[in-house]
Amino acid sequence: MTSVTNWEAPCLGIALAQGLARLGSGLALAVRASVLVHFLLKWNDQLRKKLERCLAKLTSSLFVALWTGVIKYHGPRPSMRPKQVFVANHISMIDFIILNQMTTFAVIMQKRTGWVGLLQSTIMESLGCIWFDRSEAKDHEIVARKLRDHVNRADNNPLLIFPEGTCVNNQYSVMFKKGAFELGCTVCPIAIKYYMAKCKILLSNGYIAQEETIKSTAKKLDILMMSWTVVCDVWFLKPQNINPGETPIEFAERVRDMISVQAGFKMVPQDGYLKYSRPSPKHRERKQQSFAELMLRHLEEK
């Protein structure tokens, strides 16, 4: 068995540190180049979009390399076509980056502030991403209109939606929102599965990922940097269309079942949005009334 001498171990550590430093420098340059292209090439929209797509893929690839990511992709590579939308389960903030290094996606996402907001308004906006604010009721109608406009154009980047609406803990899948399933287009499911014994992406309790309780995005990235590696499988599943007589909610559940079976998740009837807002008093009263009637019938039968 070969042993490592006293001088070899420090040399390996120095080489690894130098490699990560070079990757970090490359990532910083890619981000700066993306911002410059976004602002300086507005006069040539076609060239700007082409360069921004290439830089977005490069930036995502450098991120994954910094995490020493081991990502396995299964199934046919996504392509730019009209009348299609991609839907995926949502485990971590890095899901989009892992998918984006394979194909440049436009994603629907909560509007952020700070340096993440700067990236959204430059690099990610150039990809055709759509932002929303959960606290604004009018945003739902605006976003729905933008989604329909996006999927009808063949030159747009493929649209990616995380219909759970929140990060879930790599063991369960919560209810899918029906918005992506009532656009009248083909739905392309994507299943994402992390191997937690080999990477430190998040620490989870219950159905909803604990990572979402960490407020600082920089802290989340620091957790990733402290991990030895990020090991993940991504499956691009067979495209699906709504069946005759099938409702959008039933269609969403059928696709959720496909993703859950492929990734080995347990399906639970929980609404991920309840993490962001409490149910209305009328909704609680209806549930309480239904439960009371059920208990009364059960007692009468006895």
C-alpha atoms as a PDB file:
ATOM      1  CA  MET A   1       0.000   0.000   0.000  1.00  0.00           C
ATOM      2  CA  THR A   2       1.442   3.389  -1.015  1.00  0.00           C
ATOM      3  CA  SER A   3       1.861   5.915   1.799  1.00  0.00           C
ATOM      4  CA  VAL A   4       1.983   9.706   1.605  1.00  0.00           C
ATOM      5  CA  THR A   5       5.247  11.210   2.854  1.00  0.00           C
ATOM      6  CA  ASN A   6       5.487  14.258   5.146  1.00  0.00           C
ATOM      7  CA  TRP A   7       6.214  16.638   2.263  1.00  0.00           C
ATOM      8  CA  GLU A   8       3.634  15.235  -0.205  1.00  0.00           C
ATOM      9  CA  ALA A   9       0.528  16.058   1.873  1.00  0.00           C
ATOM     10  CA  PRO A  10       1.268  19.831   2.170  1.00  0.00           C
ATOM     11  CA  CYS A  11       2.105  19.956  -1.543  1.00  0.00           C
ATOM     12  CA  LEU A  12      -1.234  18.365  -2.411  1.00  0.00           C
ATOM     13  CA  GLY A  13      -3.030  20.888  -0.186  1.00  0.00           C
ATOM     14  CA  ILE A  14      -1.189  23.818  -1.808  1.00  0.00           C
ATOM     15  CA  ALA A  15      -1.968  22.509  -5.300  1.00  0.00           C
ATOM     16  CA  LEU A  16      -5.651  22.133  -4.414  1.00  0.00           C
ATOM     17  CA  ALA A  17      -5.772  25.650  -2.919  1.00  0.00           C
ATOM     18  CA  GLN A  18      -4.105  27.110  -6.023  1.00  0.00           C
ATOM     19  CA  GLY A  19      -6.551  25.285  -8.296  1.00  0.00           C
ATOM     20  CA  LEU A  20      -9.552  26.593  -6.352  1.00  0.00           C
ATOM     21  CA  ALA A  21      -8.091  30.113  -6.384  1.00  0.00           C
ATOM     22  CA  ARG A  22      -7.757  29.976 -10.175  1.00  0.00           C
ATOM     23  CA  LEU A  23     -11.332  28.743 -10.508  1.00  0.00           C
ATOM     24  CA  GLY A  24     -12.523  31.560  -8.230  1.00  0.00           C
ATOM     25  CA  SER A  25     -10.642  34.121 -10.349  1.00  0.00           C
ATOM     26  CA  GLY A  26     -12.165  32.658 -13.495  1.00  0.00           C
ATOM     27  CA  LEU A  27     -15.635  32.834 -11.962  1.00  0.00           C
ATOM     28  CA  ALA A  28     -15.144  36.497 -11.020  1.00  0.00           C
ATOM     29  CA  LEU A  29     -13.987  37.297 -14.568  1.00  0.00           C
ATOM     30  CA  ALA A  30     -16.967  35.456 -16.082  1.00  0.00           C
ATOM     31  CA  VAL A  31     -19.405  37.423 -13.898  1.00  0.00           C
ATOM     32  CA  ARG A  32     -17.741  40.739 -14.796  1.00  0.00           C
ATOM     33  CA  ALA A  33     -17.770  39.849 -18.492  1.00  0.00           C
ATOM     34  CA  SER A  34     -21.480  38.991 -18.276  1.00  0.00           C
ATOM     35  CA  VAL A  35     -22.287  42.371 -16.709  1.00  0.00           C
ATOM     36  CA  LEU A  36     -20.220  44.230 -19.340  1.00  0.00           C
ATOM     37  CA  VAL A  37     -21.830  42.343 -22.236  1.00  0.00           C
ATOM     38  CA  HIS A  38     -25.292  43.058 -20.796  1.00  0.00           C
ATOM     39  CA  PHE A  39     -24.719  46.822 -20.717  1.00  0.00           C
ATOM     40  CA  LEU A  40     -22.342  47.415 -23.660  1.00  0.00           C
ATOM     41  CA  LEU A  41     -23.932  45.282 -26.387  1.00  0.00           C
ATOM     42  CA  LYS A  42     -27.504  46.563 -26.232  1.00  0.00           C
ATOM     43  CA  TRP A  43     -27.097  47.807 -29.821  1.00  0.00           C
ATOM     44  CA  ASN A  44     -26.718  44.217 -31.109  1.00  0.00           C
ATOM     45  CA  ASP A  45     -29.404  42.131 -29.443  1.00  0.00           C
ATOM     46  CA  GLN A  46     -28.649  38.891 -31.303  1.00  0.00           C
ATOM     47  CA  LEU A  47     -24.917  38.931 -30.510  1.00  0.00           C
ATOM     48  CA  ARG A  48     -25.591  39.976 -26.904  1.00  0.00           C
ATOM     49  CA  LYS A  49     -27.983  37.059 -26.296  1.00  0.00           C
ATOM     50  CA  LYS A  50     -25.544  34.573 -27.837  1.00  0.00           C
ATOM     51  CA  LEU A  51     -22.631  35.767 -25.676  1.00  0.00           C
ATOM     52  CA  GLU A  52     -24.799  35.937 -22.548  1.00  0.00           C
ATOM     53  CA  ARG A  53     -25.905  32.318 -23.009  1.00  0.00           C
ATOM     54  CA  CYS A  54     -22.295  31.162 -23.355  1.00  0.00           C
ATOM     55  CA  LEU A  55     -21.173  33.178 -20.320  1.00  0.00           C
ATOM     56  CA  ALA A  56     -24.107  31.910 -18.226  1.00  0.00           C
ATOM     57  CA  LYS A  57     -23.138  28.295 -18.956  1.00  0.00           C
ATOM     58  CA  LEU A  58     -19.467  29.072 -18.237  1.00  0.00           C
ATOM     59  CA  THR A  59     -20.349  30.762 -14.928  1.00  0.00           C
ATOM     60  CA  SER A  60     -22.492  27.797 -13.851  1.00  0.00           C
ATOM     61  CA  SER A  61     -19.755  25.322 -14.823  1.00  0.00           C
ATOM     62  CA  LEU A  62     -17.177  27.262 -12.786  1.00  0.00           C
ATOM     63  CA  PHE A  63     -19.509  27.286  -9.772  1.00  0.00           C
ATOM     64  CA  VAL A  64     -19.904  23.500  -9.974  1.00  0.00           C
ATOM     65  CA  ALA A  65     -16.135  23.063 -10.390  1.00  0.00           C
ATOM     66  CA  LEU A  66     -15.533  25.157  -7.246  1.00  0.00           C
ATOM     67  CA  TRP A  67     -17.783  22.753  -5.337  1.00  0.00           C
ATOM     68  CA  THR A  68     -15.880  19.821  -6.925  1.00  0.00           C
ATOM     69  CA  GLY A  69     -19.256  18.727  -8.236  1.00  0.00           C
ATOM     70  CA  VAL A  70     -19.873  15.232  -9.567  1.00  0.00           C
ATOM     71  CA  ILE A  71     -23.061  15.591 -11.620  1.00  0.00           C
ATOM     72  CA  LYS A  72     -24.503  12.774 -13.717  1.00  0.00           C
ATOM     73  CA  TYR A  73     -27.071  13.704 -16.366  1.00  0.00           C
ATOM     74  CA  HIS A  74     -29.432  11.046 -17.714  1.00  0.00           C
ATOM     75  CA  GLY A  75     -31.710  11.294 -20.737  1.00  0.00           C
ATOM     76  CA  PRO A  76     -31.785  13.523 -23.835  1.00  0.00           C
ATOM     77  CA  ARG A  77     -30.395  17.042 -23.530  1.00  0.00           C
ATOM     78  CA  PRO A  78     -33.080  19.804 -23.465  1.00  0.00           C
ATOM     79  CA  SER A  79     -33.465  21.881 -26.633  1.00  0.00           C
ATOM     80  CA  MET A  80     -34.959  25.250 -27.570  1.00  0.00           C
ATOM     81  CA  ARG A  81     -38.488  24.644 -28.870  1.00  0.00           C
ATOM     82  CA  PRO A  82     -41.746  26.568 -28.615  1.00  0.00           C
ATOM     83  CA  LYS A  83     -44.686  25.262 -26.613  1.00  0.00           C
ATOM     84  CA  GLN A  84     -42.690  23.453 -23.921  1.00  0.00           C
ATOM     85  CA  VAL A  85     -41.889  24.030 -20.251  1.00  0.00           C
ATOM     86  CA  PHE A  86     -39.477  22.179 -17.947  1.00  0.00           C
ATOM     87  CA  VAL A  87     -40.512  21.405 -14.359  1.00  0.00           C
ATOM     88  CA  ALA A  88     -38.223  20.062 -11.624  1.00  0.00           C
ATOM     89  CA  ASN A  89     -38.328  19.228  -7.949  1.00  0.00           C
ATOM     90  CA  HIS A  90     -36.570  21.823  -5.792  1.00  0.00           C
ATOM     91  CA  ILE A  91     -34.025  20.844  -3.135  1.00  0.00           C
ATOM     92  CA  SER A  92     -31.432  23.598  -2.956  1.00  0.00           C
ATOM     93  CA  MET A  93     -30.583  27.075  -4.220  1.00  0.00           C
ATOM     94  CA  ILE A  94     -27.977  25.445  -6.494  1.00  0.00           C
ATOM     95  CA  ASP A  95     -30.519  23.406  -8.515  1.00  0.00           C
ATOM     96  CA  PHE A  96     -30.672  26.116 -11.173  1.00  0.00           C
ATOM     97  CA  ILE A  97     -26.869  26.303 -11.453  1.00  0.00           C
ATOM     98  CA  ILE A  98     -26.556  22.526 -11.873  1.00  0.00           C
ATOM     99  CA  LEU A  99     -29.189  22.504 -14.626  1.00  0.00           C
ATOM    100  CA  ASN A 100     -27.872  25.676 -16.255  1.00  0.00           C
ATOM    101  CA  GLN A 101     -24.413  24.239 -16.898  1.00  0.00           C
ATOM    102  CA  MET A 102     -26.075  21.669 -19.181  1.00  0.00           C
ATOM    103  CA  THR A 103     -28.586  23.960 -20.947  1.00  0.00           C
ATOM    104  CA  THR A 104     -29.210  27.687 -20.566  1.00  0.00           C
ATOM    105  CA  PHE A 105     -32.632  27.981 -18.908  1.00  0.00           C
ATOM    106  CA  ALA A 106     -34.893  30.913 -18.153  1.00  0.00           C
ATOM    107  CA  VAL A 107     -36.254  30.396 -14.648  1.00  0.00           C
ATOM    108  CA  ILE A 108     -39.180  31.836 -12.693  1.00  0.00           C
ATOM    109  CA  MET A 109     -37.882  33.061  -9.347  1.00  0.00           C
ATOM    110  CA  GLN A 110     -38.603  35.209  -6.301  1.00  0.00           C
ATOM    111  CA  LYS A 111     -37.187  38.733  -6.687  1.00  0.00           C
ATOM    112  CA  ARG A 112     -34.217  39.248  -4.350  1.00  0.00           C
ATOM    113  CA  THR A 113     -32.200  42.203  -3.046  1.00  0.00           C
ATOM    114  CA  GLY A 114     -28.469  42.724  -2.480  1.00  0.00           C
ATOM    115  CA  TRP A 115     -25.827  41.150  -4.716  1.00  0.00           C
ATOM    116  CA  VAL A 116     -28.210  38.347  -5.676  1.00  0.00           C
ATOM    117  CA  GLY A 117     -30.606  41.024  -6.911  1.00  0.00           C
ATOM    118  CA  LEU A 118     -27.758  42.508  -8.971  1.00  0.00           C
ATOM    119  CA  LEU A 119     -27.154  39.130 -10.631  1.00  0.00           C
ATOM    120  CA  GLN A 120     -30.892  38.835 -11.297  1.00  0.00           C
ATOM    121  CA  SER A 121     -31.051  42.237 -12.960  1.00  0.00           C
ATOM    122  CA  THR A 122     -28.017  41.552 -15.190  1.00  0.00           C
ATOM    123  CA  ILE A 123     -26.888  37.986 -15.919  1.00  0.00           C
ATOM    124  CA  MET A 124     -30.161  36.185 -15.169  1.00  0.00           C
ATOM    125  CA  GLU A 125     -32.409  38.822 -16.726  1.00  0.00           C
ATOM    126  CA  SER A 126     -30.476  38.407 -19.971  1.00  0.00           C
ATOM    127  CA  LEU A 127     -31.587  34.766 -20.036  1.00  0.00           C
ATOM    128  CA  GLY A 128     -35.249  35.772 -20.049  1.00  0.00           C
ATOM    129  CA  CYS A 129     -35.851  34.885 -16.385  1.00  0.00           C
ATOM    130  CA  ILE A 130     -39.158  35.974 -14.853  1.00  0.00           C
ATOM    131  CA  TRP A 131     -39.323  37.524 -11.375  1.00  0.00           C
ATOM    132  CA  PHE A 132     -42.245  37.706  -8.958  1.00  0.00           C
ATOM    133  CA  ASP A 133     -43.048  38.923  -5.459  1.00  0.00           C
ATOM    134  CA  ARG A 134     -45.066  36.567  -3.259  1.00  0.00           C
ATOM    135  CA  SER A 135     -46.453  39.505  -1.273  1.00  0.00           C
ATOM    136  CA  GLU A 136     -48.007  41.158  -4.341  1.00  0.00           C
ATOM    137  CA  ALA A 137     -51.335  39.615  -5.381  1.00  0.00           C
ATOM    138  CA  LYS A 138     -51.250  41.363  -8.793  1.00  0.00           C
ATOM    139  CA  ASP A 139     -47.967  39.627  -9.634  1.00  0.00           C
ATOM    140  CA  HIS A 140     -49.778  36.316 -10.195  1.00  0.00           C
ATOM    141  CA  GLU A 141     -51.659  37.663 -13.244  1.00  0.00           C
ATOM    142  CA  ILE A 142     -48.578  39.425 -14.633  1.00  0.00           C
ATOM    143  CA  VAL A 143     -46.399  36.317 -14.244  1.00  0.00           C
ATOM    144  CA  ALA A 144     -49.047  34.072 -15.851  1.00  0.00           C
ATOM    145  CA  ARG A 145     -49.119  36.366 -18.908  1.00  0.00           C
ATOM    146  CA  LYS A 146     -45.300  36.442 -19.133  1.00  0.00           C
ATOM    147  CA  LEU A 147     -45.165  32.627 -18.940  1.00  0.00           C
ATOM    148  CA  ARG A 148     -47.558  32.242 -21.883  1.00  0.00           C
ATOM    149  CA  ASP A 149     -45.648  34.803 -23.939  1.00  0.00           C
ATOM    150  CA  HIS A 150     -42.324  33.099 -23.188  1.00  0.00           C
ATOM    151  CA  VAL A 151     -43.316  29.531 -24.147  1.00  0.00           C
ATOM    152  CA  ASN A 152     -44.814  30.690 -27.470  1.00  0.00           C
ATOM    153  CA  ARG A 153     -41.499  32.039 -28.801  1.00  0.00           C
ATOM    154  CA  ALA A 154     -39.046  29.564 -30.354  1.00  0.00           C
ATOM    155  CA  ASP A 155     -35.983  31.827 -29.867  1.00  0.00           C
ATOM    156  CA  ASN A 156     -36.373  32.046 -26.079  1.00  0.00           C
ATOM    157  CA  ASN A 157     -34.338  29.925 -23.690  1.00  0.00           C
ATOM    158  CA  PRO A 158     -36.234  26.869 -22.372  1.00  0.00           C
ATOM    159  CA  LEU A 159     -38.440  27.859 -19.440  1.00  0.00           C
ATOM    160  CA  LEU A 160     -37.695  26.146 -16.101  1.00  0.00           C
ATOM    161  CA  ILE A 161     -40.211  26.145 -13.225  1.00  0.00           C
ATOM    162  CA  PHE A 162     -39.913  24.678  -9.722  1.00  0.00           C
ATOM    163  CA  PRO A 163     -43.631  24.039  -9.081  1.00  0.00           C
ATOM    164  CA  GLU A 164     -43.174  23.117  -5.401  1.00  0.00           C
ATOM    165  CA  GLY A 165     -42.491  26.805  -4.743  1.00  0.00           C
ATOM    166  CA  THR A 166     -39.936  26.099  -2.003  1.00  0.00           C
ATOM    167  CA  CYS A 167     -36.917  23.938  -1.207  1.00  0.00           C
ATOM    168  CA  VAL A 168     -37.742  20.434   0.051  1.00  0.00           C
ATOM    169  CA  ASN A 169     -35.393  18.145   1.952  1.00  0.00           C
ATOM    170  CA  ASN A 170     -34.267  15.541  -0.620  1.00  0.00           C
ATOM    171  CA  GLN A 171     -36.609  12.894   0.832  1.00  0.00           C
ATOM    172  CA  TYR A 172     -40.106  14.156   0.022  1.00  0.00           C
ATOM    173  CA  SER A 173     -42.002  15.993  -2.701  1.00  0.00           C
ATOM    174  CA  VAL A 174     -44.721  18.486  -1.773  1.00  0.00           C
ATOM    175  CA  MET A 175     -47.705  19.589  -3.867  1.00  0.00           C
ATOM    176  CA  PHE A 176     -46.990  21.085  -7.300  1.00  0.00           C
ATOM    177  CA  LYS A 177     -48.629  24.404  -8.188  1.00  0.00           C
ATOM    178  CA  LYS A 178     -50.802  24.100 -11.276  1.00  0.00           C
ATOM    179  CA  GLY A 179     -49.503  27.203 -13.124  1.00  0.00           C
ATOM    180  CA  ALA A 180     -46.976  25.315 -15.248  1.00  0.00           C
ATOM    181  CA  PHE A 181     -49.586  22.711 -16.170  1.00  0.00           C
ATOM    182  CA  GLU A 182     -52.268  25.023 -17.547  1.00  0.00           C
ATOM    183  CA  LEU A 183     -50.153  26.730 -20.211  1.00  0.00           C
ATOM    184  CA  GLY A 184     -51.406  24.371 -22.922  1.00  0.00           C
ATOM    185  CA  CYS A 185     -47.906  23.145 -23.800  1.00  0.00           C
ATOM    186  CA  THR A 186     -45.710  20.069 -23.400  1.00  0.00           C
ATOM    187  CA  VAL A 187     -44.318  19.557 -19.885  1.00  0.00           C
ATOM    188  CA  CYS A 188     -40.785  18.100 -19.624  1.00  0.00           C
ATOM    189  CA  PRO A 189     -40.147  16.665 -16.115  1.00  0.00           C
ATOM    190  CA  ILE A 190     -36.701  16.812 -14.479  1.00  0.00           C
ATOM    191  CA  ALA A 191     -35.812  14.794 -11.358  1.00  0.00           C
ATOM    192  CA  ILE A 192     -32.924  16.005  -9.154  1.00  0.00           C
ATOM    193  CA  LYS A 193     -31.412  13.850  -6.412  1.00  0.00           C
ATOM    194  CA  TYR A 194     -28.466  14.733  -4.126  1.00  0.00           C
ATOM    195  CA  TYR A 195     -26.462  12.144  -2.205  1.00  0.00           C
ATOM    196  CA  MET A 196     -26.247  13.662   1.242  1.00  0.00           C
ATOM    197  CA  ALA A 197     -23.727  11.149   2.673  1.00  0.00           C
ATOM    198  CA  LYS A 198     -21.173  12.562   0.231  1.00  0.00           C
ATOM    199  CA  CYS A 199     -21.975  16.275   0.335  1.00  0.00           C
ATOM    200  CA  LYS A 200     -23.067  18.940   2.804  1.00  0.00           C
ATOM    201  CA  ILE A 201     -25.699  20.940   0.933  1.00  0.00           C
ATOM    202  CA  LEU A 202     -28.286  21.353   3.683  1.00  0.00           C
ATOM    203  CA  LEU A 203     -29.438  19.960   7.007  1.00  0.00           C
ATOM    204  CA  SER A 204     -33.122  19.081   6.922  1.00  0.00           C
ATOM    205  CA  ASN A 205     -35.863  18.556   9.445  1.00  0.00           C
ATOM    206  CA  GLY A 206     -39.410  17.749   8.379  1.00  0.00           C
ATOM    207  CA  TYR A 207     -40.577  18.164   4.797  1.00  0.00           C
ATOM    208  CA  ILE A 208     -39.249  21.658   4.073  1.00  0.00           C
ATOM    209  CA  ALA A 209     -35.490  22.072   3.742  1.00  0.00           C
ATOM    210  CA  GLN A 210     -33.775  23.724   6.685  1.00  0.00           C
ATOM    211  CA  GLU A 211     -31.445  25.478   4.244  1.00  0.00           C
ATOM    212  CA  GLU A 212     -34.267  27.943   3.562  1.00  0.00           C
ATOM    213  CA  THR A 213     -34.044  29.175   7.166  1.00  0.00           C
ATOM    214  CA  ILE A 214     -30.469  30.401   6.602  1.00  0.00           C
ATOM    215  CA  LYS A 215     -30.956  34.053   5.673  1.00  0.00           C
ATOM    216  CA  SER A 216     -27.563  34.838   4.155  1.00  0.00           C
ATOM    217  CA  THR A 217     -26.931  33.575   0.624  1.00  0.00           C
ATOM    218  CA  ALA A 218     -23.204  33.985   1.283  1.00  0.00           C
ATOM    219  CA  LYS A 219     -23.573  31.634   4.265  1.00  0.00           C
ATOM    220  CA  LYS A 220     -25.213  29.028   2.028  1.00  0.00           C
ATOM    221  CA  LEU A 221     -22.333  29.253  -0.431  1.00  0.00           C
ATOM    222  CA  ASP A 222     -19.874  28.972   2.454  1.00  0.00           C
ATOM    223  CA  ILE A 223     -21.534  25.693   3.501  1.00  0.00           C
ATOM    224  CA  LEU A 224     -21.035  24.403  -0.035  1.00  0.00           C
ATOM    225  CA  MET A 225     -17.368  25.408  -0.042  1.00  0.00           C
ATOM    226  CA  MET A 226     -16.857  23.509   3.240  1.00  0.00           C
ATOM    227  CA  SER A 227     -18.204  20.336   1.644  1.00  0.00           C
ATOM    228  CA  TRP A 228     -15.810  17.860   0.069  1.00  0.00           C
ATOM    229  CA  THR A 229     -17.985  17.515  -2.994  1.00  0.00           C
ATOM    230  CA  VAL A 230     -21.489  17.863  -4.416  1.00  0.00           C
ATOM    231  CA  VAL A 231     -22.783  14.565  -5.801  1.00  0.00           C
ATOM    232  CA  CYS A 232     -26.011  14.697  -7.776  1.00  0.00           C
ATOM    233  CA  ASP A 233     -28.067  12.806 -10.361  1.00  0.00           C
ATOM    234  CA  VAL A 234     -30.291  14.639 -12.854  1.00  0.00           C
ATOM    235  CA  TRP A 235     -32.841  12.784 -14.985  1.00  0.00           C
ATOM    236  CA  PHE A 236     -34.512  14.397 -18.014  1.00  0.00           C
ATOM    237  CA  LEU A 237     -37.724  12.366 -18.187  1.00  0.00           C
ATOM    238  CA  LYS A 238     -40.129  11.718 -21.049  1.00  0.00           C
ATOM    239  CA  PRO A 239     -42.156  14.832 -22.040  1.00  0.00           C
ATOM    240  CA  GLN A 240     -45.816  14.749 -21.011  1.00  0.00           C
ATOM    241  CA  ASN A 241     -49.028  16.294 -22.332  1.00  0.00           C
ATOM    242  CA  ILE A 242     -52.324  16.710 -20.555  1.00  0.00           C
ATOM    243  CA  ASN A 243     -54.739  13.830 -21.205  1.00  0.00           C
ATOM    244  CA  PRO A 244     -58.318  14.357 -22.448  1.00  0.00           C
ATOM    245  CA  GLY A 245     -60.573  15.095 -19.484  1.00  0.00           C
ATOM    246  CA  GLU A 246     -57.586  15.579 -17.149  1.00  0.00           C
ATOM    247  CA  THR A 247     -57.507  18.746 -15.029  1.00  0.00           C
ATOM    248  CA  PRO A 248     -54.289  20.793 -14.569  1.00  0.00           C
ATOM    249  CA  ILE A 249     -54.167  19.682 -10.915  1.00  0.00           C
ATOM    250  CA  GLU A 250     -54.405  16.016 -11.902  1.00  0.00           C
ATOM    251  CA  PHE A 251     -51.767  16.595 -14.578  1.00  0.00           C
ATOM    252  CA  ALA A 252     -49.464  18.196 -11.985  1.00  0.00           C
ATOM    253  CA  GLU A 253     -49.901  15.231  -9.625  1.00  0.00           C
ATOM    254  CA  ARG A 254     -49.131  12.754 -12.425  1.00  0.00           C
ATOM    255  CA  VAL A 255     -45.881  14.560 -13.255  1.00  0.00           C
ATOM    256  CA  ARG A 256     -44.993  14.839  -9.549  1.00  0.00           C
ATOM    257  CA  ASP A 257     -45.461  11.081  -9.249  1.00  0.00           C
ATOM    258  CA  MET A 258     -43.056  10.509 -12.193  1.00  0.00           C
ATOM    259  CA  ILE A 259     -40.371  12.676 -10.601  1.00  0.00           C
ATOM    260  CA  SER A 260     -40.857  11.157  -7.140  1.00  0.00           C
ATOM    261  CA  VAL A 261     -40.595   7.579  -8.423  1.00  0.00           C
ATOM    262  CA  GLN A 262     -37.428   8.332 -10.397  1.00  0.00           C
ATOM    263  CA  ALA A 263     -35.686  10.132  -7.505  1.00  0.00           C
ATOM    264  CA  GLY A 264     -37.055   7.867  -4.758  1.00  0.00           C
ATOM    265  CA  PHE A 265     -39.042  10.584  -2.941  1.00  0.00           C
ATOM    266  CA  LYS A 266     -42.125  10.129  -0.794  1.00  0.00           C
ATOM    267  CA  MET A 267     -45.103  12.228  -1.956  1.00  0.00           C
ATOM    268  CA  VAL A 268     -46.797  14.223   0.828  1.00  0.00           C
ATOM    269  CA  PRO A 269     -50.001  16.339   0.568  1.00  0.00           C
ATOM    270  CA  GLN A 270     -48.378  19.530   1.884  1.00  0.00           C
ATOM    271  CA  ASP A 271     -48.453  23.012   0.361  1.00  0.00           C
ATOM    272  CA  GLY A 272     -44.945  24.485   0.312  1.00  0.00           C
ATOM    273  CA  TYR A 273     -46.330  28.046   0.279  1.00  0.00           C
ATOM    274  CA  LEU A 274     -47.578  27.611   3.858  1.00  0.00           C
ATOM    275  CA  LYS A 275     -43.995  28.326   4.889  1.00  0.00           C
ATOM    276  CA  TYR A 276     -44.369  31.892   3.626  1.00  0.00           C
ATOM    277  CA  SER A 277     -47.938  32.709   4.693  1.00  0.00           C
ATOM    278  CA  ARG A 278     -50.508  31.457   7.187  1.00  0.00           C
ATOM    279  CA  PRO A 279     -53.825  30.091   5.872  1.00  0.00           C
ATOM    280  CA  SER A 280     -56.745  32.523   6.102  1.00  0.00           C
ATOM    281  CA  PRO A 281     -59.104  32.277   9.120  1.00  0.00           C
ATOM    282  CA  LYS A 282     -61.995  31.220   6.821  1.00  0.00           C
ATOM    283  CA  HIS A 283     -59.905  28.360   5.422  1.00  0.00           C
ATOM    284  CA  ARG A 284     -59.019  27.187   8.955  1.00  0.00           C
ATOM    285  CA  GLU A 285     -62.658  27.372  10.026  1.00  0.00           C
ATOM    286  CA  ARG A 286     -63.763  25.247   7.053  1.00  0.00           C
ATOM    287  CA  LYS A 287     -61.161  22.615   7.901  1.00  0.00           C
ATOM    288  CA  GLN A 288     -62.181  22.653  11.563  1.00  0.00           C
ATOM    289  CA  GLN A 289     -65.846  22.309  10.601  1.00  0.00           C
ATOM    290  CA  SER A 290     -65.076  19.366   8.296  1.00  0.00           C
ATOM    291  CA  PHE A 291     -63.075  17.656  11.038  1.00  0.00           C
ATOM    292  CA  ALA A 292     -65.853  18.237  13.593  1.00  0.00           C
ATOM    293  CA  GLU A 293     -68.481  16.736  11.256  1.00  0.00           C
ATOM    294  CA  LEU A 294     -66.240  13.727  10.619  1.00  0.00           C
ATOM    295  CA  MET A 295     -65.786  13.131  14.359  1.00  0.00           C
ATOM    296  CA  LEU A 296     -69.555  13.457  15.002  1.00  0.00           C
ATOM    297  CA  ARG A 297     -70.345  10.875  12.318  1.00  0.00           C
ATOM    298  CA  HIS A 298     -67.724   8.553  13.794  1.00  0.00           C
ATOM    299  CA  LEU A 299     -69.216   8.891  17.298  1.00  0.00           C
ATOM    300  CA  GLU A 300     -72.781   8.330  16.006  1.00  0.00           C
ATOM    301  CA  GLU A 301     -71.707   5.094  14.305  1.00  0.00           C
ATOM    302  CA  LYS A 302     -70.411   3.800  17.625  1.00  0.00           C
END
